[in-house]
Amino acid sequence: MKPLFITQILKYKGDKAFTCDDTLVREIKLGIFINGEKNGALMATPVDEQALAVGYLMSENIIAKVEDIQRIESKDDGMSVHIDAKIDKKILLNSMPKVL
């Protein structure tokens, strides 16, 4: 999926309306799965999804270093990233939302 696309829009100038092409940035909801469990989702442009997922997991201290990753795979036409890695389960549990 390309991050940019062209679409027809309706523009107004004064009291006149006209159609023209406009370039829009595509945004997707990227699901992040760690060891088979959904960890979260991010809104992102559909570019470098795997790098974004790894960066997110490292910034949340769920993955300590890149070498801890055994496998990384994009699925669902780039709409999700699945990572198998050595993780700190205590940090992962603390990163999950609490349900009352």
N, C-alpha and C. Protein backbone atom coordinates (compact mmCIF):
# COMPACT_ATOMS: atom_id res chain seq x y z
N MET A 1 0.85 -1.17 0.00
CA MET A 1 0.00 0.00 0.00
C MET A 1 0.90 1.24 0.00
N LYS A 2 0.62 2.15 -0.89
CA LYS A 2 1.44 3.36 -1.00
C LYS A 2 0.96 4.40 0.01
N PRO A 3 1.92 5.17 0.59
CA PRO A 3 1.55 6.14 1.61
C PRO A 3 0.83 7.37 1.06
N LEU A 4 1.02 7.66 -0.22
CA LEU A 4 0.36 8.81 -0.83
C LEU A 4 -0.60 8.34 -1.91
N PHE A 5 -1.70 9.04 -2.06
CA PHE A 5 -2.60 8.73 -3.16
C PHE A 5 -3.27 10.02 -3.63
N ILE A 6 -3.73 10.01 -4.86
CA ILE A 6 -4.37 11.17 -5.46
C ILE A 6 -5.86 10.89 -5.56
N THR A 7 -6.64 11.89 -5.18
CA THR A 7 -8.09 11.77 -5.24
C THR A 7 -8.69 13.06 -5.75
N GLN A 8 -9.92 12.99 -6.23
CA GLN A 8 -10.64 14.17 -6.67
C GLN A 8 -11.29 14.84 -5.46
N ILE A 9 -11.14 16.17 -5.38
CA ILE A 9 -11.80 16.92 -4.30
C ILE A 9 -12.61 18.05 -4.91
N LEU A 10 -13.52 18.57 -4.14
CA LEU A 10 -14.33 19.71 -4.55
C LEU A 10 -13.80 20.92 -3.81
N LYS A 11 -13.35 21.95 -4.56
CA LYS A 11 -12.82 23.17 -3.96
C LYS A 11 -13.78 24.32 -4.21
N TYR A 12 -13.78 25.24 -3.28
CA TYR A 12 -14.61 26.43 -3.42
C TYR A 12 -13.71 27.65 -3.42
N LYS A 13 -13.97 28.57 -4.35
CA LYS A 13 -13.26 29.84 -4.39
C LYS A 13 -14.32 30.91 -4.60
N GLY A 14 -14.56 31.66 -3.54
CA GLY A 14 -15.67 32.61 -3.61
C GLY A 14 -16.98 31.85 -3.70
N ASP A 15 -17.78 32.15 -4.72
CA ASP A 15 -19.05 31.46 -4.90
C ASP A 15 -18.97 30.39 -5.98
N LYS A 16 -17.76 30.04 -6.41
CA LYS A 16 -17.59 29.03 -7.46
C LYS A 16 -17.01 27.74 -6.87
N ALA A 17 -17.51 26.62 -7.39
CA ALA A 17 -17.01 25.30 -6.97
C ALA A 17 -16.40 24.62 -8.18
N PHE A 18 -15.30 23.90 -7.95
CA PHE A 18 -14.65 23.16 -9.03
C PHE A 18 -13.96 21.93 -8.45
N THR A 19 -13.78 20.91 -9.29
CA THR A 19 -13.07 19.71 -8.85
C THR A 19 -11.63 19.78 -9.32
N CYS A 20 -10.78 19.16 -8.54
CA CYS A 20 -9.36 19.08 -8.91
C CYS A 20 -8.74 17.88 -8.19
N ASP A 21 -7.57 17.49 -8.64
CA ASP A 21 -6.82 16.41 -7.98
C ASP A 21 -6.12 16.96 -6.76
N ASP A 22 -6.03 16.14 -5.71
CA ASP A 22 -5.29 16.51 -4.51
C ASP A 22 -4.56 15.28 -4.00
N THR A 23 -3.41 15.49 -3.42
CA THR A 23 -2.61 14.40 -2.86
C THR A 23 -2.88 14.28 -1.37
N LEU A 24 -3.19 13.07 -0.94
CA LEU A 24 -3.47 12.81 0.47
C LEU A 24 -2.48 11.78 1.01
N VAL A 25 -2.23 11.85 2.31
CA VAL A 25 -1.38 10.87 2.98
C VAL A 25 -2.28 9.80 3.57
N ARG A 26 -1.99 8.55 3.24
CA ARG A 26 -2.77 7.42 3.76
C ARG A 26 -2.28 7.10 5.18
N GLU A 27 -3.22 6.73 6.04
CA GLU A 27 -2.89 6.34 7.40
C GLU A 27 -3.57 5.01 7.70
N ILE A 28 -2.86 4.13 8.38
CA ILE A 28 -3.41 2.82 8.73
C ILE A 28 -3.34 2.61 10.23
N LYS A 29 -4.17 1.69 10.72
CA LYS A 29 -4.06 1.25 12.11
C LYS A 29 -3.19 0.01 12.08
N LEU A 30 -1.99 0.11 12.63
CA LEU A 30 -1.00 -0.96 12.62
C LEU A 30 -1.08 -1.75 13.92
N GLY A 31 -1.50 -3.01 13.82
CA GLY A 31 -1.54 -3.88 14.99
C GLY A 31 -0.17 -4.45 15.28
N ILE A 32 0.22 -4.46 16.56
CA ILE A 32 1.53 -4.98 16.96
C ILE A 32 1.30 -6.20 17.86
N PHE A 33 1.86 -7.33 17.44
CA PHE A 33 1.74 -8.58 18.18
C PHE A 33 3.12 -9.02 18.63
N ILE A 34 3.22 -9.40 19.91
CA ILE A 34 4.48 -9.89 20.45
C ILE A 34 4.23 -11.29 21.00
N ASN A 35 4.97 -12.26 20.50
CA ASN A 35 4.84 -13.67 20.90
C ASN A 35 3.39 -14.15 20.82
N GLY A 36 2.71 -13.77 19.75
CA GLY A 36 1.35 -14.23 19.50
C GLY A 36 0.25 -13.45 20.18
N GLU A 37 0.58 -12.49 21.04
CA GLU A 37 -0.41 -11.70 21.77
C GLU A 37 -0.42 -10.27 21.24
N LYS A 38 -1.62 -9.73 21.05
CA LYS A 38 -1.70 -8.34 20.60
C LYS A 38 -1.23 -7.43 21.73
N ASN A 39 -0.24 -6.58 21.41
CA ASN A 39 0.31 -5.66 22.40
C ASN A 39 -0.30 -4.28 22.26
N GLY A 40 -0.72 -3.92 21.08
CA GLY A 40 -1.28 -2.59 20.89
C GLY A 40 -1.45 -2.28 19.42
N ALA A 41 -1.77 -1.04 19.16
CA ALA A 41 -1.94 -0.57 17.79
C ALA A 41 -1.49 0.88 17.70
N LEU A 42 -0.95 1.23 16.57
CA LEU A 42 -0.50 2.59 16.31
C LEU A 42 -1.10 3.08 15.01
N MET A 43 -1.38 4.35 14.92
CA MET A 43 -1.75 4.96 13.64
C MET A 43 -0.43 5.33 12.95
N ALA A 44 -0.33 4.97 11.67
CA ALA A 44 0.94 5.16 10.97
C ALA A 44 0.73 5.27 9.47
N THR A 45 1.69 5.88 8.80
CA THR A 45 1.70 5.80 7.34
C THR A 45 2.23 4.41 7.00
N PRO A 46 1.75 3.81 5.90
CA PRO A 46 2.16 2.43 5.59
C PRO A 46 3.55 2.34 4.98
N VAL A 47 4.55 2.72 5.75
CA VAL A 47 5.96 2.67 5.33
C VAL A 47 6.78 2.19 6.52
N ASP A 48 7.67 1.24 6.30
CA ASP A 48 8.58 0.76 7.35
C ASP A 48 7.85 0.33 8.62
N GLU A 49 6.77 -0.45 8.43
CA GLU A 49 5.96 -0.88 9.57
C GLU A 49 6.75 -1.72 10.56
N GLN A 50 7.64 -2.58 10.07
CA GLN A 50 8.41 -3.43 10.98
C GLN A 50 9.34 -2.59 11.84
N ALA A 51 10.02 -1.62 11.25
CA ALA A 51 10.91 -0.75 12.02
C ALA A 51 10.13 0.05 13.05
N LEU A 52 8.95 0.52 12.68
CA LEU A 52 8.11 1.26 13.62
C LEU A 52 7.71 0.38 14.80
N ALA A 53 7.30 -0.86 14.52
CA ALA A 53 6.88 -1.78 15.59
C ALA A 53 8.04 -2.07 16.54
N VAL A 54 9.21 -2.35 15.99
CA VAL A 54 10.39 -2.62 16.83
C VAL A 54 10.74 -1.39 17.66
N GLY A 55 10.74 -0.23 17.04
CA GLY A 55 11.05 1.01 17.77
C GLY A 55 10.07 1.26 18.89
N TYR A 56 8.79 1.01 18.62
CA TYR A 56 7.77 1.19 19.66
C TYR A 56 8.02 0.23 20.83
N LEU A 57 8.24 -1.05 20.54
CA LEU A 57 8.45 -2.04 21.60
C LEU A 57 9.72 -1.75 22.39
N MET A 58 10.75 -1.23 21.73
CA MET A 58 11.98 -0.88 22.45
C MET A 58 11.77 0.38 23.29
N SER A 59 11.02 1.35 22.77
CA SER A 59 10.79 2.58 23.54
C SER A 59 9.94 2.31 24.78
N GLU A 60 9.11 1.26 24.73
CA GLU A 60 8.30 0.88 25.88
C GLU A 60 9.04 -0.13 26.79
N ASN A 61 10.30 -0.43 26.47
CA ASN A 61 11.14 -1.36 27.23
C ASN A 61 10.59 -2.78 27.24
N ILE A 62 9.78 -3.13 26.25
CA ILE A 62 9.27 -4.50 26.15
C ILE A 62 10.32 -5.39 25.52
N ILE A 63 11.06 -4.85 24.56
CA ILE A 63 12.22 -5.53 23.98
C ILE A 63 13.45 -4.72 24.37
N ALA A 64 14.44 -5.38 24.95
CA ALA A 64 15.63 -4.66 25.42
C ALA A 64 16.58 -4.31 24.28
N LYS A 65 16.76 -5.23 23.33
CA LYS A 65 17.69 -4.98 22.23
C LYS A 65 17.24 -5.74 21.00
N VAL A 66 17.66 -5.28 19.84
CA VAL A 66 17.25 -5.88 18.57
C VAL A 66 17.64 -7.36 18.52
N GLU A 67 18.74 -7.72 19.14
CA GLU A 67 19.19 -9.12 19.13
C GLU A 67 18.22 -10.07 19.84
N ASP A 68 17.31 -9.53 20.64
CA ASP A 68 16.31 -10.36 21.31
C ASP A 68 15.20 -10.82 20.38
N ILE A 69 15.14 -10.27 19.18
CA ILE A 69 14.09 -10.63 18.22
C ILE A 69 14.50 -11.88 17.47
N GLN A 70 13.65 -12.91 17.52
CA GLN A 70 13.91 -14.14 16.77
C GLN A 70 13.26 -14.11 15.39
N ARG A 71 12.08 -13.46 15.30
CA ARG A 71 11.35 -13.44 14.02
C ARG A 71 10.49 -12.19 13.98
N ILE A 72 10.40 -11.62 12.78
CA ILE A 72 9.50 -10.48 12.56
C ILE A 72 8.84 -10.66 11.21
N GLU A 73 7.53 -10.44 11.17
CA GLU A 73 6.77 -10.69 9.94
C GLU A 73 5.61 -9.71 9.83
N SER A 74 5.44 -9.15 8.64
CA SER A 74 4.26 -8.33 8.36
C SER A 74 3.15 -9.23 7.85
N LYS A 75 1.93 -8.98 8.32
CA LYS A 75 0.76 -9.76 7.89
C LYS A 75 -0.38 -8.82 7.57
N ASP A 76 -1.46 -9.40 7.06
CA ASP A 76 -2.68 -8.64 6.77
C ASP A 76 -2.41 -7.46 5.84
N ASP A 77 -1.64 -7.74 4.77
CA ASP A 77 -1.31 -6.71 3.78
C ASP A 77 -0.65 -5.49 4.43
N GLY A 78 0.24 -5.75 5.40
CA GLY A 78 0.97 -4.67 6.06
C GLY A 78 0.21 -3.98 7.17
N MET A 79 -0.93 -4.52 7.57
CA MET A 79 -1.74 -3.90 8.61
C MET A 79 -1.36 -4.38 10.02
N SER A 80 -0.49 -5.39 10.11
CA SER A 80 -0.03 -5.86 11.42
C SER A 80 1.39 -6.39 11.31
N VAL A 81 2.11 -6.28 12.42
CA VAL A 81 3.47 -6.80 12.53
C VAL A 81 3.49 -7.79 13.68
N HIS A 82 4.02 -8.99 13.40
CA HIS A 82 4.10 -10.06 14.39
C HIS A 82 5.57 -10.31 14.70
N ILE A 83 5.90 -10.25 15.99
CA ILE A 83 7.29 -10.37 16.44
C ILE A 83 7.37 -11.47 17.49
N ASP A 84 8.33 -12.37 17.30
CA ASP A 84 8.68 -13.35 18.33
C ASP A 84 9.99 -12.87 18.93
N ALA A 85 10.02 -12.68 20.26
CA ALA A 85 11.21 -12.13 20.88
C ALA A 85 11.27 -12.49 22.36
N LYS A 86 12.48 -12.38 22.90
CA LYS A 86 12.68 -12.51 24.34
C LYS A 86 12.24 -11.19 24.95
N ILE A 87 11.32 -11.28 25.92
CA ILE A 87 10.79 -10.06 26.52
C ILE A 87 10.81 -10.16 28.03
N ASP A 88 10.66 -9.01 28.67
CA ASP A 88 10.50 -8.94 30.12
C ASP A 88 8.99 -8.96 30.37
N LYS A 89 8.45 -10.10 30.84
CA LYS A 89 7.00 -10.26 31.00
C LYS A 89 6.42 -9.28 32.01
N LYS A 90 7.18 -8.89 33.03
CA LYS A 90 6.66 -7.94 34.01
C LYS A 90 6.40 -6.59 33.35
N ILE A 91 7.32 -6.15 32.51
CA ILE A 91 7.14 -4.88 31.81
C ILE A 91 5.98 -4.99 30.83
N LEU A 92 5.89 -6.11 30.13
CA LEU A 92 4.79 -6.31 29.17
C LEU A 92 3.45 -6.26 29.89
N LEU A 93 3.34 -6.93 31.04
CA LEU A 93 2.07 -6.92 31.78
C LEU A 93 1.73 -5.51 32.27
N ASN A 94 2.73 -4.75 32.69
CA ASN A 94 2.49 -3.39 33.17
C ASN A 94 2.13 -2.45 32.03
N SER A 95 2.47 -2.80 30.78
CA SER A 95 2.15 -1.94 29.64
C SER A 95 0.74 -2.15 29.15
N MET A 96 0.09 -3.23 29.58
CA MET A 96 -1.27 -3.54 29.14
C MET A 96 -2.26 -2.65 29.90
N PRO A 97 -3.34 -2.22 29.23
CA PRO A 97 -4.34 -1.41 29.92
C PRO A 97 -5.03 -2.21 31.03
N LYS A 98 -5.35 -1.53 32.10
CA LYS A 98 -6.03 -2.17 33.23
C LYS A 98 -7.54 -2.18 32.97
N VAL A 99 -8.19 -3.30 33.22
CA VAL A 99 -9.63 -3.42 33.05
C VAL A 99 -10.26 -3.47 34.43
N LEU A 100 -11.24 -2.61 34.65
CA LEU A 100 -11.89 -2.56 35.97
C LEU A 100 -13.05 -3.53 36.02
